[in-house]
Structures are given as structure tokens and as C-alpha cells.
Amino acid sequence: MSAADPATTRRSVFVTNLAWLIIAMGTLWAFTALLQTLAWIAAPAVVESFARAGPDDGRGDFPVSFMLFFQVISVVQLVVSVAVLATGRGLLARRSWARRAFIGGSWLMILASVPIVLLWLFTSVVMILGAGEPEAPPLVIGLVTGAVSLVSAIGFFVFMGWLLKRLASPQVRREFSAAGSA
């Protein structure tokens, strides 16, 4: 038997647990997206009531466009959650495309998180600089917000880096190629 024979290759607990975690999170995400989408379909009166309640300031119907934005986000969330479920199932079956899809999706998530982290830090700096102004939050709130944002971001990036390093390791790649999906 060769080293790449599926019978002799041990399935790692790391990949199995990651796959089940992705499946569980994808299921929860799909369920919430489905509920949101069904709520938008079943409750058009909500959109109409927002349209009637909104001020007419000459810039259009902000509440209606805002609600339509959330309808689109709900449908996109549903589609992406189904893709996440497929990726989790593919990881469980040790499909190479699923490993590559998870790695690519993780990099996209990291890149999308950078502007959010910068916004958190910018907000913290604004709070710190405006601490002496009337009706401004105290200085300590800006410092705590900045520290928590920075620690959370570093923790997230370190964790994602560790996941990506593990999934790109030769041992995990061998496991996926041994499953006949290279």
C-alpha cells in the first residue's frame, strides 16, 4: 500500500471538527437568512409603513430603499450560507475544492475585516480627541473601545492565520489528496 492510499491515511480531528463547525454555523446562518427572507416576503406592509412614516426631505424614500437593501442582503446571505454548507460538507468528505474554497473565503473575510477594524480604531481616536468637548463620551470610553478593538482584531487575525496555516500544511494537503480529490 502506498502512502497516499486512503486506507492508510488517518483523517485528522482538526479537519473533521472544522468541517462540523462550518456545517453548524452554515446551518444557523441559512436558517436565519431564510427567516429574514420569508419575513420580507410575508410582510410587505412593513415596507409600506416605513415609506409612509419617513420624512419627505427631497432625497427620496430613504426608508423604502433602506428596507430594500436589507431584503437584498437577506437573499445574498441565504445564497452564501448554502455555499458555506457545501464547503463544510466538502471538507468533511475531504474534497480538495472545499479546502481551497475555505482558504479563499477566509482570505476574503480577512480582507473585508481590515476596513472594519480601521473604522473601529478611527472611532476610538475620534472619541479620545473629542473627550474634552461638551456632551462627548469620557476619555476612558475611547481608550477602552480602542483597546478592545485592537485586541479583538489581533486575536481574529491570529486565529484566522492559524486556521489557514493548518489547512495549507503538508499533512492536511496529503489527507485531502489521499481522499482522491486532488
N, C-alpha and C. Protein backbone atom coordinates (compact mmCIF):
# COMPACT_ATOMS: atom_id res chain seq x y z
N MET A 1 0.83 -1.18 0.00
CA MET A 1 0.00 0.00 0.00
C MET A 1 0.88 1.24 0.00
N SER A 2 0.48 2.22 -0.78
CA SER A 2 1.27 3.45 -0.86
C SER A 2 0.87 4.41 0.26
N ALA A 3 1.68 5.46 0.44
CA ALA A 3 1.42 6.43 1.50
C ALA A 3 0.18 7.26 1.21
N ALA A 4 -0.23 7.34 -0.07
CA ALA A 4 -1.40 8.13 -0.43
C ALA A 4 -2.67 7.30 -0.45
N ASP A 5 -2.59 6.03 -0.05
CA ASP A 5 -3.76 5.15 -0.04
C ASP A 5 -4.73 5.62 1.06
N PRO A 6 -6.00 5.84 0.72
CA PRO A 6 -6.96 6.30 1.71
C PRO A 6 -7.09 5.37 2.91
N ALA A 7 -6.84 4.11 2.73
CA ALA A 7 -6.96 3.17 3.83
C ALA A 7 -5.86 3.37 4.88
N THR A 8 -4.71 3.90 4.45
CA THR A 8 -3.60 4.08 5.40
C THR A 8 -3.48 5.52 5.89
N THR A 9 -4.23 6.46 5.28
CA THR A 9 -4.16 7.85 5.68
C THR A 9 -5.17 8.12 6.79
N ARG A 10 -4.69 8.66 7.86
CA ARG A 10 -5.55 8.95 9.01
C ARG A 10 -6.25 10.29 8.81
N ARG A 11 -7.53 10.33 9.09
CA ARG A 11 -8.31 11.56 9.00
C ARG A 11 -8.07 12.39 10.26
N SER A 12 -7.68 13.64 10.05
CA SER A 12 -7.34 14.48 11.21
C SER A 12 -8.60 14.95 11.92
N VAL A 13 -8.49 15.05 13.22
CA VAL A 13 -9.58 15.55 14.05
C VAL A 13 -9.79 17.03 13.76
N PHE A 14 -8.71 17.75 13.46
CA PHE A 14 -8.79 19.17 13.15
C PHE A 14 -9.75 19.43 11.99
N VAL A 15 -9.56 18.73 10.87
CA VAL A 15 -10.40 18.96 9.69
C VAL A 15 -11.82 18.53 9.96
N THR A 16 -12.00 17.41 10.65
CA THR A 16 -13.35 16.94 10.95
C THR A 16 -14.10 17.93 11.83
N ASN A 17 -13.44 18.41 12.89
CA ASN A 17 -14.08 19.39 13.77
C ASN A 17 -14.36 20.70 13.05
N LEU A 18 -13.42 21.15 12.23
CA LEU A 18 -13.62 22.37 11.46
C LEU A 18 -14.81 22.21 10.52
N ALA A 19 -14.89 21.07 9.85
CA ALA A 19 -16.00 20.84 8.93
C ALA A 19 -17.34 20.85 9.65
N TRP A 20 -17.43 20.19 10.80
CA TRP A 20 -18.69 20.17 11.55
C TRP A 20 -19.03 21.57 12.08
N LEU A 21 -18.03 22.33 12.48
CA LEU A 21 -18.27 23.70 12.93
C LEU A 21 -18.81 24.55 11.78
N ILE A 22 -18.22 24.39 10.60
CA ILE A 22 -18.69 25.14 9.43
C ILE A 22 -20.10 24.73 9.07
N ILE A 23 -20.40 23.44 9.14
CA ILE A 23 -21.75 22.96 8.84
C ILE A 23 -22.75 23.53 9.84
N ALA A 24 -22.39 23.50 11.13
CA ALA A 24 -23.30 24.04 12.16
C ALA A 24 -23.52 25.53 11.97
N MET A 25 -22.45 26.27 11.73
CA MET A 25 -22.59 27.71 11.55
C MET A 25 -23.32 28.03 10.25
N GLY A 26 -23.04 27.28 9.19
CA GLY A 26 -23.74 27.49 7.93
C GLY A 26 -25.22 27.18 8.03
N THR A 27 -25.56 26.15 8.82
CA THR A 27 -26.97 25.82 9.03
C THR A 27 -27.68 26.93 9.78
N LEU A 28 -27.06 27.42 10.84
CA LEU A 28 -27.64 28.52 11.60
C LEU A 28 -27.79 29.77 10.73
N TRP A 29 -26.77 30.06 9.96
CA TRP A 29 -26.80 31.22 9.08
C TRP A 29 -27.89 31.07 8.01
N ALA A 30 -28.01 29.87 7.43
CA ALA A 30 -29.04 29.63 6.41
C ALA A 30 -30.43 29.75 7.02
N PHE A 31 -30.60 29.23 8.23
CA PHE A 31 -31.90 29.31 8.90
C PHE A 31 -32.29 30.76 9.16
N THR A 32 -31.37 31.56 9.68
CA THR A 32 -31.69 32.97 9.94
C THR A 32 -31.92 33.73 8.64
N ALA A 33 -31.14 33.43 7.61
CA ALA A 33 -31.34 34.09 6.32
C ALA A 33 -32.69 33.72 5.72
N LEU A 34 -33.07 32.45 5.86
CA LEU A 34 -34.37 32.01 5.35
C LEU A 34 -35.50 32.70 6.09
N LEU A 35 -35.38 32.80 7.41
CA LEU A 35 -36.41 33.50 8.19
C LEU A 35 -36.50 34.98 7.80
N GLN A 36 -35.35 35.62 7.62
CA GLN A 36 -35.36 37.03 7.21
C GLN A 36 -35.99 37.19 5.83
N THR A 37 -35.62 36.31 4.91
CA THR A 37 -36.16 36.39 3.55
C THR A 37 -37.66 36.16 3.56
N LEU A 38 -38.11 35.16 4.32
CA LEU A 38 -39.55 34.90 4.41
C LEU A 38 -40.29 36.05 5.08
N ALA A 39 -39.65 36.68 6.06
CA ALA A 39 -40.28 37.83 6.71
C ALA A 39 -40.47 38.97 5.73
N TRP A 40 -39.47 39.20 4.86
CA TRP A 40 -39.61 40.27 3.88
C TRP A 40 -40.69 39.94 2.85
N ILE A 41 -40.80 38.68 2.49
CA ILE A 41 -41.80 38.28 1.51
C ILE A 41 -43.20 38.36 2.11
N ALA A 42 -43.31 37.92 3.37
CA ALA A 42 -44.63 37.84 4.01
C ALA A 42 -45.10 39.17 4.58
N ALA A 43 -44.23 40.15 4.71
CA ALA A 43 -44.63 41.39 5.37
C ALA A 43 -44.35 42.62 4.52
N PRO A 44 -44.96 42.73 3.34
CA PRO A 44 -44.73 43.94 2.54
C PRO A 44 -45.34 45.18 3.20
N ALA A 45 -46.27 44.97 4.12
CA ALA A 45 -46.87 46.11 4.81
C ALA A 45 -45.83 46.85 5.66
N VAL A 46 -44.81 46.14 6.12
CA VAL A 46 -43.76 46.79 6.91
C VAL A 46 -43.03 47.82 6.05
N VAL A 47 -42.70 47.43 4.82
CA VAL A 47 -42.02 48.34 3.91
C VAL A 47 -42.91 49.55 3.62
N GLU A 48 -44.20 49.30 3.39
CA GLU A 48 -45.12 50.41 3.11
C GLU A 48 -45.26 51.34 4.31
N SER A 49 -45.30 50.79 5.51
CA SER A 49 -45.44 51.63 6.70
C SER A 49 -44.19 52.48 6.90
N PHE A 50 -43.01 51.93 6.59
CA PHE A 50 -41.79 52.72 6.67
C PHE A 50 -41.82 53.84 5.64
N ALA A 51 -42.36 53.55 4.47
CA ALA A 51 -42.43 54.58 3.43
C ALA A 51 -43.35 55.71 3.85
N ARG A 52 -44.47 55.40 4.49
CA ARG A 52 -45.40 56.43 4.94
C ARG A 52 -44.85 57.22 6.13
N ALA A 53 -44.08 56.56 7.00
CA ALA A 53 -43.60 57.21 8.22
C ALA A 53 -42.38 58.09 7.99
N GLY A 54 -41.67 57.86 6.89
CA GLY A 54 -40.43 58.58 6.67
C GLY A 54 -40.65 60.03 6.28
N PRO A 55 -39.73 60.90 6.67
CA PRO A 55 -39.86 62.31 6.31
C PRO A 55 -39.57 62.51 4.83
N ASP A 56 -40.28 63.43 4.24
CA ASP A 56 -40.03 63.75 2.84
C ASP A 56 -39.08 64.94 2.80
N ASP A 57 -37.81 64.65 2.65
CA ASP A 57 -36.81 65.72 2.67
C ASP A 57 -36.24 65.97 1.27
N GLY A 58 -36.91 65.46 0.27
CA GLY A 58 -36.47 65.71 -1.10
C GLY A 58 -35.37 64.77 -1.58
N ARG A 59 -34.90 63.88 -0.72
CA ARG A 59 -33.82 62.96 -1.13
C ARG A 59 -34.37 61.58 -1.48
N GLY A 60 -35.64 61.45 -1.59
CA GLY A 60 -36.22 60.15 -1.94
C GLY A 60 -36.72 59.43 -0.71
N ASP A 61 -37.24 58.24 -0.95
CA ASP A 61 -37.78 57.43 0.14
C ASP A 61 -36.68 56.62 0.78
N PHE A 62 -35.99 57.22 1.73
CA PHE A 62 -34.90 56.53 2.41
C PHE A 62 -35.38 55.25 3.08
N PRO A 63 -36.49 55.27 3.83
CA PRO A 63 -36.90 54.02 4.50
C PRO A 63 -37.16 52.88 3.52
N VAL A 64 -37.77 53.18 2.37
CA VAL A 64 -38.05 52.12 1.40
C VAL A 64 -36.74 51.58 0.83
N SER A 65 -35.83 52.45 0.44
CA SER A 65 -34.56 51.97 -0.12
C SER A 65 -33.76 51.23 0.94
N PHE A 66 -33.86 51.69 2.19
CA PHE A 66 -33.19 51.02 3.29
C PHE A 66 -33.74 49.61 3.47
N MET A 67 -35.04 49.47 3.42
CA MET A 67 -35.67 48.15 3.58
C MET A 67 -35.35 47.25 2.39
N LEU A 68 -35.32 47.81 1.19
CA LEU A 68 -34.96 47.01 0.02
C LEU A 68 -33.52 46.53 0.12
N PHE A 69 -32.64 47.36 0.67
CA PHE A 69 -31.25 46.97 0.88
C PHE A 69 -31.19 45.74 1.78
N PHE A 70 -31.97 45.74 2.86
CA PHE A 70 -31.96 44.59 3.76
C PHE A 70 -32.60 43.36 3.12
N GLN A 71 -33.55 43.54 2.23
CA GLN A 71 -34.11 42.40 1.51
C GLN A 71 -33.03 41.75 0.63
N VAL A 72 -32.27 42.56 -0.07
CA VAL A 72 -31.20 42.04 -0.92
C VAL A 72 -30.14 41.34 -0.06
N ILE A 73 -29.78 41.95 1.07
CA ILE A 73 -28.79 41.34 1.97
C ILE A 73 -29.28 39.98 2.46
N SER A 74 -30.57 39.86 2.76
CA SER A 74 -31.11 38.58 3.23
C SER A 74 -30.98 37.50 2.18
N VAL A 75 -31.27 37.83 0.94
CA VAL A 75 -31.17 36.85 -0.14
C VAL A 75 -29.70 36.48 -0.39
N VAL A 76 -28.81 37.47 -0.38
CA VAL A 76 -27.38 37.19 -0.55
C VAL A 76 -26.89 36.31 0.59
N GLN A 77 -27.31 36.60 1.82
CA GLN A 77 -26.93 35.79 2.97
C GLN A 77 -27.40 34.34 2.80
N LEU A 78 -28.58 34.16 2.27
CA LEU A 78 -29.10 32.80 2.04
C LEU A 78 -28.25 32.06 1.01
N VAL A 79 -27.89 32.72 -0.07
CA VAL A 79 -27.08 32.09 -1.11
C VAL A 79 -25.69 31.75 -0.57
N VAL A 80 -25.07 32.69 0.14
CA VAL A 80 -23.72 32.45 0.68
C VAL A 80 -23.75 31.35 1.74
N SER A 81 -24.80 31.30 2.55
CA SER A 81 -24.87 30.26 3.58
C SER A 81 -24.99 28.87 2.97
N VAL A 82 -25.67 28.76 1.85
CA VAL A 82 -25.74 27.46 1.16
C VAL A 82 -24.35 27.07 0.63
N ALA A 83 -23.60 28.04 0.14
CA ALA A 83 -22.22 27.77 -0.30
C ALA A 83 -21.35 27.36 0.88
N VAL A 84 -21.55 27.99 2.04
CA VAL A 84 -20.80 27.62 3.25
C VAL A 84 -21.13 26.19 3.66
N LEU A 85 -22.41 25.84 3.59
CA LEU A 85 -22.81 24.46 3.91
C LEU A 85 -22.15 23.46 2.96
N ALA A 86 -22.13 23.78 1.68
CA ALA A 86 -21.49 22.90 0.70
C ALA A 86 -19.99 22.77 0.99
N THR A 87 -19.36 23.86 1.38
CA THR A 87 -17.94 23.82 1.71
C THR A 87 -17.69 22.95 2.93
N GLY A 88 -18.53 23.09 3.96
CA GLY A 88 -18.39 22.25 5.15
C GLY A 88 -18.57 20.77 4.82
N ARG A 89 -19.54 20.47 3.99
CA ARG A 89 -19.76 19.07 3.57
C ARG A 89 -18.57 18.57 2.75
N GLY A 90 -18.03 19.43 1.89
CA GLY A 90 -16.86 19.05 1.11
C GLY A 90 -15.64 18.83 1.98
N LEU A 91 -15.45 19.64 3.02
CA LEU A 91 -14.34 19.43 3.95
C LEU A 91 -14.51 18.10 4.68
N LEU A 92 -15.72 17.80 5.08
CA LEU A 92 -15.97 16.54 5.77
C LEU A 92 -15.65 15.35 4.88
N ALA A 93 -15.92 15.48 3.58
CA ALA A 93 -15.63 14.42 2.62
C ALA A 93 -14.20 14.51 2.08
N ARG A 94 -13.43 15.48 2.59
CA ARG A 94 -12.03 15.69 2.21
C ARG A 94 -11.88 15.99 0.72
N ARG A 95 -12.73 16.87 0.23
CA ARG A 95 -12.64 17.32 -1.15
C ARG A 95 -11.67 18.50 -1.24
N SER A 96 -10.77 18.43 -2.18
CA SER A 96 -9.75 19.47 -2.31
C SER A 96 -10.35 20.82 -2.66
N TRP A 97 -11.41 20.84 -3.47
CA TRP A 97 -12.06 22.11 -3.82
C TRP A 97 -12.60 22.80 -2.57
N ALA A 98 -13.08 22.02 -1.60
CA ALA A 98 -13.63 22.61 -0.38
C ALA A 98 -12.53 23.25 0.46
N ARG A 99 -11.38 22.60 0.52
CA ARG A 99 -10.25 23.16 1.27
C ARG A 99 -9.82 24.47 0.63
N ARG A 100 -9.71 24.48 -0.70
CA ARG A 100 -9.33 25.71 -1.40
C ARG A 100 -10.40 26.79 -1.26
N ALA A 101 -11.68 26.40 -1.31
CA ALA A 101 -12.77 27.37 -1.15
C ALA A 101 -12.76 27.98 0.25
N PHE A 102 -12.49 27.16 1.27
CA PHE A 102 -12.44 27.69 2.63
C PHE A 102 -11.27 28.65 2.79
N ILE A 103 -10.13 28.28 2.23
CA ILE A 103 -8.95 29.16 2.32
C ILE A 103 -9.23 30.48 1.60
N GLY A 104 -9.80 30.41 0.40
CA GLY A 104 -10.13 31.64 -0.34
C GLY A 104 -11.17 32.49 0.38
N GLY A 105 -12.21 31.86 0.90
CA GLY A 105 -13.23 32.59 1.65
C GLY A 105 -12.67 33.22 2.91
N SER A 106 -11.74 32.54 3.55
CA SER A 106 -11.12 33.09 4.75
C SER A 106 -10.29 34.32 4.42
N TRP A 107 -9.56 34.27 3.31
CA TRP A 107 -8.79 35.45 2.90
C TRP A 107 -9.72 36.61 2.57
N LEU A 108 -10.84 36.32 1.93
CA LEU A 108 -11.81 37.39 1.64
C LEU A 108 -12.35 37.98 2.94
N MET A 109 -12.62 37.13 3.93
CA MET A 109 -13.12 37.60 5.21
C MET A 109 -12.07 38.47 5.91
N ILE A 110 -10.82 38.07 5.83
CA ILE A 110 -9.75 38.87 6.44
C ILE A 110 -9.66 40.23 5.76
N LEU A 111 -9.67 40.22 4.43
CA LEU A 111 -9.58 41.50 3.69
C LEU A 111 -10.78 42.40 3.98
N ALA A 112 -11.97 41.81 4.11
CA ALA A 112 -13.16 42.60 4.42
C ALA A 112 -13.13 43.12 5.85
N SER A 113 -12.41 42.46 6.73
CA SER A 113 -12.35 42.88 8.13
C SER A 113 -11.41 44.06 8.35
N VAL A 114 -10.45 44.24 7.48
CA VAL A 114 -9.47 45.32 7.66
C VAL A 114 -10.16 46.69 7.72
N PRO A 115 -11.06 47.03 6.78
CA PRO A 115 -11.71 48.35 6.90
C PRO A 115 -12.57 48.48 8.16
N ILE A 116 -13.17 47.39 8.60
CA ILE A 116 -13.98 47.43 9.82
C ILE A 116 -13.09 47.74 11.02
N VAL A 117 -11.95 47.09 11.09
CA VAL A 117 -11.01 47.34 12.19
C VAL A 117 -10.53 48.79 12.13
N LEU A 118 -10.21 49.28 10.95
CA LEU A 118 -9.78 50.67 10.82
C LEU A 118 -10.88 51.64 11.25
N LEU A 119 -12.13 51.31 10.93
CA LEU A 119 -13.25 52.15 11.36
C LEU A 119 -13.37 52.15 12.89
N TRP A 120 -13.23 50.97 13.51
CA TRP A 120 -13.25 50.89 14.98
C TRP A 120 -12.18 51.78 15.58
N LEU A 121 -10.97 51.66 15.05
CA LEU A 121 -9.86 52.44 15.59
C LEU A 121 -10.06 53.94 15.35
N PHE A 122 -10.57 54.29 14.18
CA PHE A 122 -10.85 55.70 13.88
C PHE A 122 -11.89 56.25 14.84
N THR A 123 -12.95 55.47 15.10
CA THR A 123 -13.99 55.88 16.05
C THR A 123 -13.39 56.09 17.43
N SER A 124 -12.50 55.21 17.82
CA SER A 124 -11.85 55.35 19.13
C SER A 124 -11.01 56.61 19.20
N VAL A 125 -10.27 56.91 18.14
CA VAL A 125 -9.43 58.11 18.12
C VAL A 125 -10.31 59.35 18.19
N VAL A 126 -11.42 59.35 17.45
CA VAL A 126 -12.34 60.49 17.49
C VAL A 126 -12.89 60.69 18.89
N MET A 127 -13.23 59.58 19.57
CA MET A 127 -13.72 59.69 20.94
C MET A 127 -12.65 60.23 21.88
N ILE A 128 -11.41 59.80 21.68
CA ILE A 128 -10.32 60.26 22.54
C ILE A 128 -10.06 61.75 22.31
N LEU A 129 -10.02 62.16 21.03
CA LEU A 129 -9.74 63.56 20.72
C LEU A 129 -10.86 64.50 21.15
N GLY A 130 -12.09 64.01 21.12
CA GLY A 130 -13.22 64.85 21.49
C GLY A 130 -13.63 64.72 22.94
N ALA A 131 -12.80 64.09 23.76
CA ALA A 131 -13.19 63.81 25.15
C ALA A 131 -13.43 65.07 25.96
N GLY A 132 -12.79 66.18 25.64
CA GLY A 132 -12.96 67.40 26.42
C GLY A 132 -14.16 68.23 25.99
N GLU A 133 -14.76 67.88 24.89
CA GLU A 133 -15.90 68.65 24.36
C GLU A 133 -17.16 68.37 25.17
N PRO A 134 -18.08 69.33 25.20
CA PRO A 134 -19.36 69.08 25.88
C PRO A 134 -20.12 67.95 25.19
N GLU A 135 -20.79 67.16 25.96
CA GLU A 135 -21.60 66.03 25.51
C GLU A 135 -20.79 64.97 24.78
N ALA A 136 -19.49 64.95 24.97
CA ALA A 136 -18.63 63.91 24.39
C ALA A 136 -18.46 62.80 25.41
N PRO A 137 -18.26 61.57 24.94
CA PRO A 137 -18.03 60.49 25.89
C PRO A 137 -16.72 60.71 26.65
N PRO A 138 -16.62 60.20 27.85
CA PRO A 138 -15.38 60.36 28.62
C PRO A 138 -14.19 59.72 27.91
N LEU A 139 -13.01 60.19 28.24
CA LEU A 139 -11.77 59.71 27.63
C LEU A 139 -11.62 58.20 27.79
N VAL A 140 -12.00 57.68 28.94
CA VAL A 140 -11.81 56.26 29.21
C VAL A 140 -12.61 55.39 28.23
N ILE A 141 -13.77 55.86 27.78
CA ILE A 141 -14.57 55.08 26.81
C ILE A 141 -13.81 54.95 25.50
N GLY A 142 -13.20 56.04 25.03
CA GLY A 142 -12.41 55.97 23.81
C GLY A 142 -11.21 55.05 23.94
N LEU A 143 -10.53 55.12 25.09
CA LEU A 143 -9.37 54.25 25.31
C LEU A 143 -9.78 52.78 25.38
N VAL A 144 -10.85 52.50 26.11
CA VAL A 144 -11.31 51.11 26.22
C VAL A 144 -11.79 50.58 24.88
N THR A 145 -12.54 51.40 24.15
CA THR A 145 -13.02 50.99 22.84
C THR A 145 -11.86 50.69 21.90
N GLY A 146 -10.85 51.55 21.90
CA GLY A 146 -9.68 51.33 21.05
C GLY A 146 -8.92 50.08 21.44
N ALA A 147 -8.74 49.87 22.76
CA ALA A 147 -8.00 48.69 23.22
C ALA A 147 -8.75 47.41 22.89
N VAL A 148 -10.05 47.39 23.14
CA VAL A 148 -10.84 46.19 22.84
C VAL A 148 -10.85 45.93 21.34
N SER A 149 -10.99 46.97 20.54
CA SER A 149 -10.97 46.80 19.08
C SER A 149 -9.65 46.22 18.61
N LEU A 150 -8.57 46.76 19.12
CA LEU A 150 -7.25 46.30 18.71
C LEU A 150 -6.99 44.85 19.15
N VAL A 151 -7.31 44.53 20.38
CA VAL A 151 -7.10 43.16 20.88
C VAL A 151 -7.99 42.17 20.13
N SER A 152 -9.25 42.54 19.88
CA SER A 152 -10.16 41.67 19.13
C SER A 152 -9.64 41.43 17.72
N ALA A 153 -9.19 42.49 17.07
CA ALA A 153 -8.69 42.36 15.70
C ALA A 153 -7.45 41.49 15.65
N ILE A 154 -6.53 41.72 16.57
CA ILE A 154 -5.31 40.90 16.59
C ILE A 154 -5.67 39.44 16.85
N GLY A 155 -6.57 39.20 17.78
CA GLY A 155 -6.99 37.83 18.06
C GLY A 155 -7.63 37.16 16.85
N PHE A 156 -8.50 37.90 16.16
CA PHE A 156 -9.16 37.37 14.96
C PHE A 156 -8.14 37.04 13.88
N PHE A 157 -7.22 37.98 13.62
CA PHE A 157 -6.23 37.75 12.57
C PHE A 157 -5.28 36.61 12.91
N VAL A 158 -4.89 36.49 14.16
CA VAL A 158 -4.01 35.39 14.58
C VAL A 158 -4.75 34.05 14.42
N PHE A 159 -6.00 34.00 14.86
CA PHE A 159 -6.79 32.77 14.74
C PHE A 159 -6.98 32.37 13.28
N MET A 160 -7.33 33.33 12.43
CA MET A 160 -7.53 33.02 11.01
C MET A 160 -6.21 32.59 10.37
N GLY A 161 -5.11 33.23 10.75
CA GLY A 161 -3.80 32.82 10.25
C GLY A 161 -3.45 31.40 10.65
N TRP A 162 -3.76 31.05 11.89
CA TRP A 162 -3.51 29.69 12.36
C TRP A 162 -4.35 28.69 11.57
N LEU A 163 -5.65 29.01 11.36
CA LEU A 163 -6.51 28.11 10.57
C LEU A 163 -5.96 27.93 9.16
N LEU A 164 -5.59 29.03 8.53
CA LEU A 164 -5.08 28.96 7.16
C LEU A 164 -3.77 28.18 7.09
N LYS A 165 -2.91 28.40 8.07
CA LYS A 165 -1.63 27.67 8.10
C LYS A 165 -1.88 26.17 8.25
N ARG A 166 -2.81 25.80 9.13
CA ARG A 166 -3.12 24.38 9.32
C ARG A 166 -3.71 23.75 8.07
N LEU A 167 -4.62 24.47 7.40
CA LEU A 167 -5.24 23.92 6.20
C LEU A 167 -4.27 23.84 5.02
N ALA A 168 -3.24 24.66 5.03
CA ALA A 168 -2.24 24.64 3.96
C ALA A 168 -1.05 23.75 4.30
N SER A 169 -1.07 23.12 5.48
CA SER A 169 0.06 22.29 5.89
C SER A 169 0.15 21.04 5.01
N PRO A 170 1.36 20.51 4.85
CA PRO A 170 1.53 19.30 4.03
C PRO A 170 0.71 18.12 4.54
N GLN A 171 0.58 17.97 5.84
CA GLN A 171 -0.19 16.86 6.41
C GLN A 171 -1.65 16.93 5.98
N VAL A 172 -2.25 18.12 6.07
CA VAL A 172 -3.67 18.26 5.69
C VAL A 172 -3.81 18.14 4.17
N ARG A 173 -2.86 18.69 3.42
CA ARG A 173 -2.94 18.55 1.96
C ARG A 173 -2.83 17.09 1.53
N ARG A 174 -1.97 16.32 2.22
CA ARG A 174 -1.86 14.88 1.92
C ARG A 174 -3.17 14.18 2.22
N GLU A 175 -3.78 14.56 3.31
CA GLU A 175 -5.06 13.95 3.69
C GLU A 175 -6.12 14.17 2.61
N PHE A 176 -6.15 15.38 2.03
CA PHE A 176 -7.11 15.67 1.00
C PHE A 176 -6.76 15.00 -0.32
N SER A 177 -5.47 14.92 -0.64
CA SER A 177 -5.08 14.25 -1.89
C SER A 177 -5.26 12.74 -1.76
N ALA A 178 -5.12 12.20 -0.55
CA ALA A 178 -5.31 10.78 -0.33
C ALA A 178 -6.78 10.39 -0.48
N ALA A 179 -7.66 11.34 -0.27
CA ALA A 179 -9.09 11.06 -0.42
C ALA A 179 -9.51 11.00 -1.88
N GLY A 180 -8.55 11.21 -2.77
CA GLY A 180 -8.83 11.10 -4.20
C GLY A 180 -9.47 12.34 -4.79
N SER A 181 -9.25 13.49 -4.16
CA SER A 181 -9.91 14.69 -4.65
C SER A 181 -8.92 15.77 -5.06
N ALA A 182 -7.71 15.41 -5.32
CA ALA A 182 -6.69 16.42 -5.68
C ALA A 182 -6.90 16.93 -7.08
